[in-house]
Structures are given as C-alpha cells and as structure tokens.
Amino acid sequence: MSDIIDFADFLKIDLRAGTVVDAQPYPEARKPAIKMWVDFGPEIGVKQTSAQVTDHYSPASLVGLRVAGVVNFAPKQIGKFMSEVLVVGFSDPEGGIVLIHPGDEVPNGARLH
C-alpha cells in the first residue's frame, strides 16, 4: 500500500478524460513505447505523451480510444520527445499496461472528482 494522503492532496491531481487523435510508433524509445496526441477538450487542447502500452495496443488501435490522463504534471523529456501528460492504466498479470477508458458519454476535458 502507498503512503496515506489527505483529500487536499488528491485534489491536486488534475485527471481528465480525452480522446487519442493520433498515435505513432516510437522506435527510438529505450523501452517499447507509442507517441500519442490526446484531445482533452477546448480548455486544455491536444497534448502529447509517450506511453509504454505496446503489449496491448498498436498505434492504429489507439486512435479514437477514450483515455484518462493527468494534465498537470510538468512536461518530461522522453528521449527526443516531450511528454506533456500522463495517460493512466492498470498493470495486467504480466506487467503490460491496460489503459483506463472513460465512457463515451463523458466529454473530452471532463475532470475526475
């Protein structure tokens, strides 16, 4: 179990729904990864990220997929690519990442409460 946090700490995490609008292979990454561009709605816009999700997804299968991402982390340089958000998922039994999928009725940019 992780460290205990209070509700104020949780509220600092800005987790939003978005739709993958583009995805490309990232062969230069040290670990297998895919570059993704996610539309988080008019307030936030399209943000890019690199994700190690190749066990369950191809770039083509990601386009149009609804995802959840933390949009208020500082950008992080991943090789030659600047990652602006962190898409989130759960590990399967073998360690592959399965992305969280908000329902279609949730608009891009909706915040987790």
N, C-alpha and C. Protein backbone atom coordinates (compact mmCIF):
# COMPACT_ATOMS: atom_id res chain seq x y z
N MET A 1 0.83 -1.18 0.00
CA MET A 1 0.00 0.00 0.00
C MET A 1 0.88 1.25 0.00
N SER A 2 0.42 2.29 -0.65
CA SER A 2 1.14 3.56 -0.73
C SER A 2 0.98 4.37 0.53
N ASP A 3 1.72 5.47 0.60
CA ASP A 3 1.57 6.40 1.71
C ASP A 3 0.14 6.94 1.75
N ILE A 4 -0.35 7.19 2.92
CA ILE A 4 -1.67 7.78 3.10
C ILE A 4 -1.60 9.26 2.76
N ILE A 5 -2.57 9.74 1.97
CA ILE A 5 -2.65 11.16 1.65
C ILE A 5 -4.01 11.67 2.11
N ASP A 6 -4.13 12.98 2.21
CA ASP A 6 -5.44 13.52 2.55
C ASP A 6 -6.15 13.99 1.28
N PHE A 7 -7.41 14.36 1.43
CA PHE A 7 -8.22 14.73 0.27
C PHE A 7 -7.65 15.93 -0.47
N ALA A 8 -7.05 16.86 0.24
CA ALA A 8 -6.43 18.03 -0.40
C ALA A 8 -5.32 17.60 -1.36
N ASP A 9 -4.56 16.57 -1.00
CA ASP A 9 -3.52 16.06 -1.90
C ASP A 9 -4.14 15.47 -3.16
N PHE A 10 -5.22 14.70 -2.98
CA PHE A 10 -5.91 14.11 -4.13
C PHE A 10 -6.41 15.18 -5.09
N LEU A 11 -6.94 16.27 -4.54
CA LEU A 11 -7.49 17.34 -5.38
C LEU A 11 -6.43 18.04 -6.23
N LYS A 12 -5.16 17.89 -5.88
CA LYS A 12 -4.08 18.49 -6.67
C LYS A 12 -3.89 17.77 -8.00
N ILE A 13 -4.35 16.52 -8.10
CA ILE A 13 -4.20 15.74 -9.33
C ILE A 13 -5.33 16.11 -10.28
N ASP A 14 -4.97 16.63 -11.44
CA ASP A 14 -5.96 17.03 -12.45
C ASP A 14 -6.04 15.91 -13.49
N LEU A 15 -6.96 14.97 -13.26
CA LEU A 15 -7.13 13.80 -14.11
C LEU A 15 -8.34 14.04 -15.01
N ARG A 16 -8.12 14.02 -16.33
CA ARG A 16 -9.16 14.38 -17.28
C ARG A 16 -9.38 13.28 -18.31
N ALA A 17 -10.58 13.29 -18.89
CA ALA A 17 -10.93 12.39 -19.99
C ALA A 17 -10.48 13.02 -21.30
N GLY A 18 -10.05 12.17 -22.23
CA GLY A 18 -9.63 12.65 -23.54
C GLY A 18 -9.77 11.56 -24.59
N THR A 19 -9.56 11.95 -25.83
CA THR A 19 -9.62 11.03 -26.97
C THR A 19 -8.30 11.08 -27.72
N VAL A 20 -7.73 9.92 -27.99
CA VAL A 20 -6.49 9.85 -28.78
C VAL A 20 -6.82 10.24 -30.22
N VAL A 21 -6.17 11.30 -30.71
CA VAL A 21 -6.42 11.77 -32.07
C VAL A 21 -5.33 11.36 -33.05
N ASP A 22 -4.17 10.96 -32.53
CA ASP A 22 -3.08 10.47 -33.37
C ASP A 22 -2.18 9.61 -32.49
N ALA A 23 -1.56 8.62 -33.10
CA ALA A 23 -0.60 7.75 -32.39
C ALA A 23 0.42 7.27 -33.41
N GLN A 24 1.68 7.28 -32.99
CA GLN A 24 2.78 6.89 -33.86
C GLN A 24 3.75 5.99 -33.11
N PRO A 25 4.39 5.06 -33.82
CA PRO A 25 5.43 4.26 -33.17
C PRO A 25 6.52 5.17 -32.62
N TYR A 26 7.19 4.72 -31.59
CA TYR A 26 8.31 5.48 -31.02
C TYR A 26 9.51 4.52 -30.91
N PRO A 27 10.09 4.15 -32.06
CA PRO A 27 11.18 3.16 -32.04
C PRO A 27 12.45 3.64 -31.35
N GLU A 28 12.61 4.95 -31.20
CA GLU A 28 13.81 5.48 -30.55
C GLU A 28 13.77 5.33 -29.03
N ALA A 29 12.63 5.03 -28.46
CA ALA A 29 12.49 4.90 -27.00
C ALA A 29 13.31 3.71 -26.49
N ARG A 30 13.86 3.84 -25.29
CA ARG A 30 14.63 2.74 -24.69
C ARG A 30 13.77 1.52 -24.43
N LYS A 31 12.54 1.73 -23.95
CA LYS A 31 11.57 0.65 -23.75
C LYS A 31 10.48 0.85 -24.80
N PRO A 32 9.89 -0.22 -25.32
CA PRO A 32 8.87 -0.08 -26.37
C PRO A 32 7.77 0.89 -25.93
N ALA A 33 7.48 1.86 -26.80
CA ALA A 33 6.50 2.90 -26.47
C ALA A 33 5.80 3.38 -27.73
N ILE A 34 4.73 4.12 -27.51
CA ILE A 34 3.96 4.74 -28.59
C ILE A 34 3.78 6.21 -28.24
N LYS A 35 3.98 7.08 -29.22
CA LYS A 35 3.69 8.50 -29.05
C LYS A 35 2.21 8.71 -29.34
N MET A 36 1.55 9.46 -28.47
CA MET A 36 0.12 9.72 -28.64
C MET A 36 -0.17 11.21 -28.50
N TRP A 37 -1.18 11.65 -29.24
CA TRP A 37 -1.70 13.00 -29.11
C TRP A 37 -3.15 12.85 -28.66
N VAL A 38 -3.47 13.48 -27.53
CA VAL A 38 -4.77 13.29 -26.88
C VAL A 38 -5.50 14.62 -26.81
N ASP A 39 -6.76 14.63 -27.26
CA ASP A 39 -7.60 15.82 -27.20
C ASP A 39 -8.31 15.84 -25.85
N PHE A 40 -7.96 16.82 -25.01
CA PHE A 40 -8.57 16.98 -23.70
C PHE A 40 -9.59 18.11 -23.68
N GLY A 41 -10.17 18.43 -24.82
CA GLY A 41 -11.24 19.42 -24.88
C GLY A 41 -10.72 20.84 -25.05
N PRO A 42 -11.66 21.80 -25.20
CA PRO A 42 -11.29 23.18 -25.55
C PRO A 42 -10.46 23.89 -24.48
N GLU A 43 -10.65 23.56 -23.21
CA GLU A 43 -9.90 24.25 -22.14
C GLU A 43 -8.42 23.88 -22.16
N ILE A 44 -8.11 22.62 -22.43
CA ILE A 44 -6.73 22.12 -22.36
C ILE A 44 -6.13 21.91 -23.74
N GLY A 45 -6.93 21.43 -24.68
CA GLY A 45 -6.45 21.20 -26.04
C GLY A 45 -5.81 19.84 -26.22
N VAL A 46 -5.07 19.71 -27.31
CA VAL A 46 -4.39 18.45 -27.65
C VAL A 46 -3.02 18.47 -27.00
N LYS A 47 -2.71 17.42 -26.25
CA LYS A 47 -1.42 17.27 -25.58
C LYS A 47 -0.78 15.97 -26.03
N GLN A 48 0.53 15.93 -26.02
CA GLN A 48 1.26 14.75 -26.47
C GLN A 48 1.87 14.01 -25.29
N THR A 49 2.01 12.70 -25.48
CA THR A 49 2.60 11.86 -24.45
C THR A 49 3.26 10.64 -25.10
N SER A 50 4.16 10.04 -24.38
CA SER A 50 4.76 8.77 -24.77
C SER A 50 4.36 7.75 -23.72
N ALA A 51 3.85 6.60 -24.17
CA ALA A 51 3.36 5.60 -23.23
C ALA A 51 3.86 4.22 -23.58
N GLN A 52 4.24 3.46 -22.56
CA GLN A 52 4.71 2.08 -22.74
C GLN A 52 3.51 1.14 -22.71
N VAL A 53 2.75 1.16 -23.79
CA VAL A 53 1.50 0.40 -23.87
C VAL A 53 1.49 -0.59 -25.03
N THR A 54 2.66 -0.95 -25.53
CA THR A 54 2.75 -1.78 -26.74
C THR A 54 2.32 -3.23 -26.52
N ASP A 55 2.19 -3.68 -25.29
CA ASP A 55 1.73 -5.06 -25.04
C ASP A 55 0.28 -5.26 -25.45
N HIS A 56 -0.53 -4.20 -25.35
CA HIS A 56 -1.96 -4.32 -25.62
C HIS A 56 -2.46 -3.45 -26.76
N TYR A 57 -1.63 -2.52 -27.25
CA TYR A 57 -2.10 -1.56 -28.25
C TYR A 57 -1.08 -1.37 -29.36
N SER A 58 -1.60 -1.10 -30.54
CA SER A 58 -0.79 -0.63 -31.67
C SER A 58 -1.17 0.83 -31.87
N PRO A 59 -0.35 1.60 -32.59
CA PRO A 59 -0.76 2.98 -32.85
C PRO A 59 -2.15 3.08 -33.48
N ALA A 60 -2.45 2.23 -34.45
CA ALA A 60 -3.75 2.28 -35.13
C ALA A 60 -4.90 2.00 -34.17
N SER A 61 -4.70 1.08 -33.22
CA SER A 61 -5.78 0.74 -32.30
C SER A 61 -6.05 1.83 -31.27
N LEU A 62 -5.10 2.73 -31.08
CA LEU A 62 -5.26 3.79 -30.09
C LEU A 62 -6.08 4.98 -30.62
N VAL A 63 -6.01 5.25 -31.92
CA VAL A 63 -6.70 6.41 -32.47
C VAL A 63 -8.20 6.25 -32.26
N GLY A 64 -8.81 7.25 -31.64
CA GLY A 64 -10.23 7.22 -31.32
C GLY A 64 -10.54 6.67 -29.95
N LEU A 65 -9.54 6.08 -29.27
CA LEU A 65 -9.75 5.50 -27.95
C LEU A 65 -9.90 6.60 -26.91
N ARG A 66 -10.86 6.42 -26.01
CA ARG A 66 -11.04 7.34 -24.89
C ARG A 66 -10.07 6.92 -23.79
N VAL A 67 -9.37 7.89 -23.21
CA VAL A 67 -8.37 7.61 -22.18
C VAL A 67 -8.53 8.61 -21.05
N ALA A 68 -7.81 8.37 -19.96
CA ALA A 68 -7.73 9.30 -18.84
C ALA A 68 -6.28 9.69 -18.69
N GLY A 69 -6.05 10.97 -18.38
CA GLY A 69 -4.68 11.42 -18.23
C GLY A 69 -4.54 12.53 -17.21
N VAL A 70 -3.38 12.54 -16.54
CA VAL A 70 -3.04 13.61 -15.61
C VAL A 70 -2.47 14.75 -16.45
N VAL A 71 -3.13 15.90 -16.39
CA VAL A 71 -2.74 17.02 -17.26
C VAL A 71 -1.95 18.10 -16.54
N ASN A 72 -1.70 17.94 -15.24
CA ASN A 72 -0.98 19.00 -14.53
C ASN A 72 0.39 18.57 -13.99
N PHE A 73 0.97 17.53 -14.58
CA PHE A 73 2.38 17.24 -14.31
C PHE A 73 3.24 18.16 -15.17
N ALA A 74 4.43 18.45 -14.71
CA ALA A 74 5.37 19.21 -15.53
C ALA A 74 5.75 18.37 -16.75
N PRO A 75 5.95 19.00 -17.91
CA PRO A 75 6.39 18.23 -19.09
C PRO A 75 7.69 17.48 -18.79
N LYS A 76 7.83 16.31 -19.43
CA LYS A 76 9.01 15.47 -19.20
C LYS A 76 9.61 15.07 -20.54
N GLN A 77 10.91 15.26 -20.68
CA GLN A 77 11.61 14.87 -21.89
C GLN A 77 11.80 13.35 -21.88
N ILE A 78 11.27 12.67 -22.90
CA ILE A 78 11.43 11.23 -23.06
C ILE A 78 12.22 11.03 -24.35
N GLY A 79 13.53 10.89 -24.23
CA GLY A 79 14.37 10.84 -25.42
C GLY A 79 14.28 12.17 -26.15
N LYS A 80 13.92 12.15 -27.43
CA LYS A 80 13.78 13.37 -28.22
C LYS A 80 12.35 13.90 -28.21
N PHE A 81 11.49 13.32 -27.39
CA PHE A 81 10.07 13.64 -27.39
C PHE A 81 9.67 14.24 -26.05
N MET A 82 8.93 15.35 -26.08
CA MET A 82 8.45 15.99 -24.86
C MET A 82 7.07 15.46 -24.51
N SER A 83 6.95 14.80 -23.37
CA SER A 83 5.68 14.27 -22.90
C SER A 83 5.02 15.33 -22.02
N GLU A 84 3.78 15.69 -22.36
CA GLU A 84 3.08 16.77 -21.66
C GLU A 84 2.03 16.29 -20.66
N VAL A 85 1.61 15.05 -20.78
CA VAL A 85 0.59 14.47 -19.88
C VAL A 85 0.97 13.03 -19.58
N LEU A 86 0.28 12.45 -18.59
CA LEU A 86 0.49 11.05 -18.25
C LEU A 86 -0.83 10.33 -18.41
N VAL A 87 -0.93 9.46 -19.43
CA VAL A 87 -2.13 8.64 -19.54
C VAL A 87 -2.00 7.52 -18.51
N VAL A 88 -3.14 7.07 -17.97
CA VAL A 88 -3.08 6.14 -16.85
C VAL A 88 -3.78 4.83 -17.17
N GLY A 89 -3.30 3.79 -16.52
CA GLY A 89 -3.86 2.46 -16.70
C GLY A 89 -3.44 1.56 -15.57
N PHE A 90 -3.83 0.30 -15.70
CA PHE A 90 -3.50 -0.72 -14.71
C PHE A 90 -2.58 -1.75 -15.33
N SER A 91 -1.75 -2.39 -14.50
CA SER A 91 -0.88 -3.47 -14.97
C SER A 91 -1.67 -4.77 -15.04
N ASP A 92 -1.49 -5.51 -16.14
CA ASP A 92 -2.06 -6.85 -16.22
C ASP A 92 -1.14 -7.81 -15.46
N PRO A 93 -1.48 -9.09 -15.35
CA PRO A 93 -0.64 -10.02 -14.59
C PRO A 93 0.81 -10.13 -15.09
N GLU A 94 1.04 -9.83 -16.37
CA GLU A 94 2.40 -9.92 -16.92
C GLU A 94 3.11 -8.57 -16.91
N GLY A 95 2.47 -7.51 -16.42
CA GLY A 95 3.10 -6.20 -16.34
C GLY A 95 2.77 -5.26 -17.49
N GLY A 96 1.98 -5.72 -18.47
CA GLY A 96 1.56 -4.84 -19.55
C GLY A 96 0.51 -3.85 -19.05
N ILE A 97 0.51 -2.67 -19.63
CA ILE A 97 -0.42 -1.63 -19.18
C ILE A 97 -1.71 -1.66 -20.00
N VAL A 98 -2.84 -1.66 -19.28
CA VAL A 98 -4.17 -1.58 -19.87
C VAL A 98 -4.72 -0.21 -19.50
N LEU A 99 -4.96 0.62 -20.50
CA LEU A 99 -5.40 2.00 -20.26
C LEU A 99 -6.81 2.07 -19.70
N ILE A 100 -7.05 3.07 -18.87
CA ILE A 100 -8.38 3.34 -18.35
C ILE A 100 -9.20 3.99 -19.46
N HIS A 101 -10.47 3.56 -19.62
CA HIS A 101 -11.34 4.07 -20.67
C HIS A 101 -12.58 4.74 -20.09
N PRO A 102 -12.64 6.09 -20.08
CA PRO A 102 -13.88 6.75 -19.67
C PRO A 102 -14.98 6.42 -20.69
N GLY A 103 -16.21 6.44 -20.28
CA GLY A 103 -17.31 6.18 -21.20
C GLY A 103 -17.48 7.27 -22.23
N ASP A 104 -18.15 6.93 -23.34
CA ASP A 104 -18.36 7.89 -24.42
C ASP A 104 -19.21 9.08 -24.00
N GLU A 105 -20.03 8.91 -22.96
CA GLU A 105 -20.90 10.00 -22.54
C GLU A 105 -20.15 11.09 -21.77
N VAL A 106 -18.88 10.86 -21.44
CA VAL A 106 -18.06 11.84 -20.75
C VAL A 106 -17.33 12.68 -21.80
N PRO A 107 -17.50 14.00 -21.80
CA PRO A 107 -16.84 14.82 -22.83
C PRO A 107 -15.33 14.94 -22.59
N ASN A 108 -14.61 15.19 -23.69
CA ASN A 108 -13.18 15.48 -23.56
C ASN A 108 -13.01 16.65 -22.61
N GLY A 109 -12.07 16.50 -21.69
CA GLY A 109 -11.78 17.55 -20.72
C GLY A 109 -12.50 17.38 -19.41
N ALA A 110 -13.46 16.42 -19.32
CA ALA A 110 -14.15 16.21 -18.04
C ALA A 110 -13.14 15.80 -16.99
N ARG A 111 -13.27 16.36 -15.80
CA ARG A 111 -12.34 16.10 -14.71
C ARG A 111 -12.87 15.02 -13.78
N LEU A 112 -11.95 14.16 -13.32
CA LEU A 112 -12.30 13.16 -12.32
C LEU A 112 -12.54 13.86 -10.99
N HIS A 113 -13.63 13.51 -10.32
CA HIS A 113 -13.95 14.09 -9.00
C HIS A 113 -14.01 12.99 -7.97
